[in-house]
C-alpha atoms as a PDB file:
ATOM      1  CA  MET A   1       0.059   0.198   0.032  1.00  0.00           C
ATOM      2  CA  ASN A   2       3.006   2.710   0.628  1.00  0.00           C
ATOM      3  CA  GLU A   3       4.441   1.502  -2.866  1.00  0.00           C
ATOM      4  CA  ASP A   4       0.952   2.726  -4.720  1.00  0.00           C
ATOM      5  CA  ILE A   5       1.190   5.652  -2.087  1.00  0.00           C
ATOM      6  CA  ILE A   6       4.558   6.802  -3.406  1.00  0.00           C
ATOM      7  CA  ASN A   7       3.645   6.096  -7.018  1.00  0.00           C
ATOM      8  CA  LEU A   8       0.665   7.857  -6.921  1.00  0.00           C
ATOM      9  CA  ASN A   9       2.624  11.587  -5.694  1.00  0.00           C
ATOM     10  CA  VAL A  10       4.994  10.804  -8.200  1.00  0.00           C
ATOM     11  CA  ALA A  11       2.391  10.700 -10.944  1.00  0.00           C
ATOM     12  CA  ILE A  12       0.539  13.911  -9.032  1.00  0.00           C
ATOM     13  CA  GLY A  13       4.067  16.261  -8.443  1.00  0.00           C
ATOM     14  CA  SER A  14       4.785  14.606 -12.421  1.00  0.00           C
ATOM     15  CA  ILE A  15       1.128  16.084 -13.784  1.00  0.00           C
ATOM     16  CA  SER A  16       1.259  19.306 -11.216  1.00  0.00           C
ATOM     17  CA  LYS A  17       4.669  20.185 -13.154  1.00  0.00           C
ATOM     18  CA  GLU A  18       3.587  19.664 -16.332  1.00  0.00           C
ATOM     19  CA  LEU A  19       0.771  21.594 -15.730  1.00  0.00           C
ATOM     20  CA  ILE A  20       3.150  24.638 -13.976  1.00  0.00           C
ATOM     21  CA  ASP A  21       4.902  24.443 -17.603  1.00  0.00           C
ATOM     22  CA  VAL A  22       1.551  25.269 -18.949  1.00  0.00           C
ATOM     23  CA  GLN A  23       0.540  28.011 -16.774  1.00  0.00           C
ATOM     24  CA  LYS A  24       4.360  29.637 -16.836  1.00  0.00           C
ATOM     25  CA  SER A  25       4.316  29.365 -20.198  1.00  0.00           C
ATOM     26  CA  LEU A  26       0.903  31.177 -20.962  1.00  0.00           C
ATOM     27  CA  ASP A  27       1.690  34.061 -18.100  1.00  0.00           C
ATOM     28  CA  ALA A  28       5.031  34.573 -20.422  1.00  0.00           C
ATOM     29  CA  TYR A  29       3.000  35.000 -23.240  1.00  0.00           C
ATOM     30  CA  ARG A  30       0.182  37.382 -21.418  1.00  0.00           C
ATOM     31  CA  GLN A  31       3.271  39.149 -20.044  1.00  0.00           C
ATOM     32  CA  LYS A  32       5.002  39.488 -23.507  1.00  0.00           C
ATOM     33  CA  GLN A  33       1.734  40.224 -24.641  1.00  0.00           C
ATOM     34  CA  ALA A  34       1.039  43.388 -22.498  1.00  0.00           C
ATOM     35  CA  ARG A  35       4.959  44.710 -23.443  1.00  0.00           C
ATOM     36  CA  GLN A  36       4.230  43.584 -27.136  1.00  0.00           C
ATOM     37  CA  GLU A  37       7.562  41.553 -27.198  1.00  0.00           C
ATOM     38  CA  ALA A  38       8.445  39.008 -28.210  1.00  0.00           C
ATOM     39  CA  ILE A  39       4.923  37.166 -28.747  1.00  0.00           C
ATOM     40  CA  ASP A  40       5.346  35.039 -31.234  1.00  0.00           C
ATOM     41  CA  ASP A  41       7.690  33.283 -29.307  1.00  0.00           C
ATOM     42  CA  ALA A  42       6.150  32.880 -26.119  1.00  0.00           C
ATOM     43  CA  ALA A  43       2.965  31.874 -27.792  1.00  0.00           C
ATOM     44  CA  LEU A  44       5.045  29.200 -30.331  1.00  0.00           C
ATOM     45  CA  ILE A  45       6.176  28.117 -26.514  1.00  0.00           C
ATOM     46  CA  PHE A  46       2.906  27.717 -24.679  1.00  0.00           C
ATOM     47  CA  ILE A  47       1.806  25.805 -28.012  1.00  0.00           C
ATOM     48  CA  GLU A  48       4.246  23.174 -28.040  1.00  0.00           C
ATOM     49  CA  LYS A  49       3.648  22.475 -23.897  1.00  0.00           C
ATOM     50  CA  ALA A  50       0.307  22.720 -24.542  1.00  0.00           C
ATOM     51  CA  GLU A  51      -0.534  20.027 -27.183  1.00  0.00           C
ATOM     52  CA  LEU A  52       2.551  17.545 -25.221  1.00  0.00           C
ATOM     53  CA  VAL A  53      -0.031  17.662 -22.279  1.00  0.00           C
ATOM     54  CA  ILE A  54      -3.386  17.328 -24.223  1.00  0.00           C
ATOM     55  CA  GLU A  55      -1.523  14.531 -26.295  1.00  0.00           C
ATOM     56  CA  LYS A  56      -0.698  13.256 -23.106  1.00  0.00           C
ATOM     57  CA  ALA A  57      -3.990  13.299 -21.513  1.00  0.00           C
ATOM     58  CA  GLU A  58      -5.139  12.019 -24.311  1.00  0.00           C
ATOM     59  CA  ARG A  59      -3.481   8.691 -24.366  1.00  0.00           C
ATOM     60  CA  GLY A  60      -4.551   8.013 -20.829  1.00  0.00           C
ATOM     61  CA  GLU A  61      -0.621   8.999 -19.715  1.00  0.00           C
ATOM     62  CA  ILE A  62      -1.755  11.778 -16.963  1.00  0.00           C
ATOM     63  CA  LYS A  63      -5.254  12.872 -15.888  1.00  0.00           C
ATOM     64  CA  LEU A  64      -6.569  16.399 -15.893  1.00  0.00           C
ATOM     65  CA  THR A  65     -10.010  17.233 -15.068  1.00  0.00           C
ATOM     66  CA  ASP A  66     -12.644  17.997 -18.089  1.00  0.00           C
ATOM     67  CA  ASP A  67     -12.245  21.619 -17.114  1.00  0.00           C
ATOM     68  CA  GLN A  68      -8.234  21.913 -17.229  1.00  0.00           C
ATOM     69  CA  LYS A  69      -8.528  20.010 -20.605  1.00  0.00           C
ATOM     70  CA  ARG A  70     -11.617  22.905 -21.153  1.00  0.00           C
ATOM     71  CA  ARG A  71      -9.176  25.536 -20.429  1.00  0.00           C
ATOM     72  CA  ILE A  72      -6.014  24.559 -22.131  1.00  0.00           C
ATOM     73  CA  LYS A  73      -7.290  23.865 -25.148  1.00  0.00           C
ATOM     74  CA  SER A  74      -9.404  27.164 -25.259  1.00  0.00           C
ATOM     75  CA  ASN A  75      -5.866  29.490 -24.175  1.00  0.00           C
ATOM     76  CA  LEU A  76      -4.618  27.216 -27.368  1.00  0.00           C
ATOM     77  CA  VAL A  77      -7.470  28.448 -29.343  1.00  0.00           C
ATOM     78  CA  LYS A  78      -6.983  31.802 -28.157  1.00  0.00           C
ATOM     79  CA  ILE A  79      -3.614  32.493 -29.187  1.00  0.00           C
ATOM     80  CA  LEU A  80      -3.829  30.640 -32.481  1.00  0.00           C
ATOM     81  CA  GLY A  81      -5.770  32.504 -33.666  1.00  0.00           C
ATOM     82  CA  LYS A  82      -4.409  35.508 -32.977  1.00  0.00           C
ATOM     83  CA  ILE A  83      -0.767  34.397 -34.303  1.00  0.00           C
ATOM     84  CA  GLY A  84      -2.797  32.688 -36.964  1.00  0.00           C
END
């Protein structure tokens, strides 16, 4: 049972790290957007990280709530619309 708890903690930590990376890249994009600097670079970083997390969630490698998926996809669509 302790091993299961440890494995669960490791999985949660991994998911948390990936979500933090996505959030940081989104924050960087928003910050640069406000200053109109290197928007495309920040947007591409966010797009890459967001797509990776969504792909992992769809393959069942990580578990995200429907709201987390929706929010990531929504931000992804908005950013793609702005740079595309």
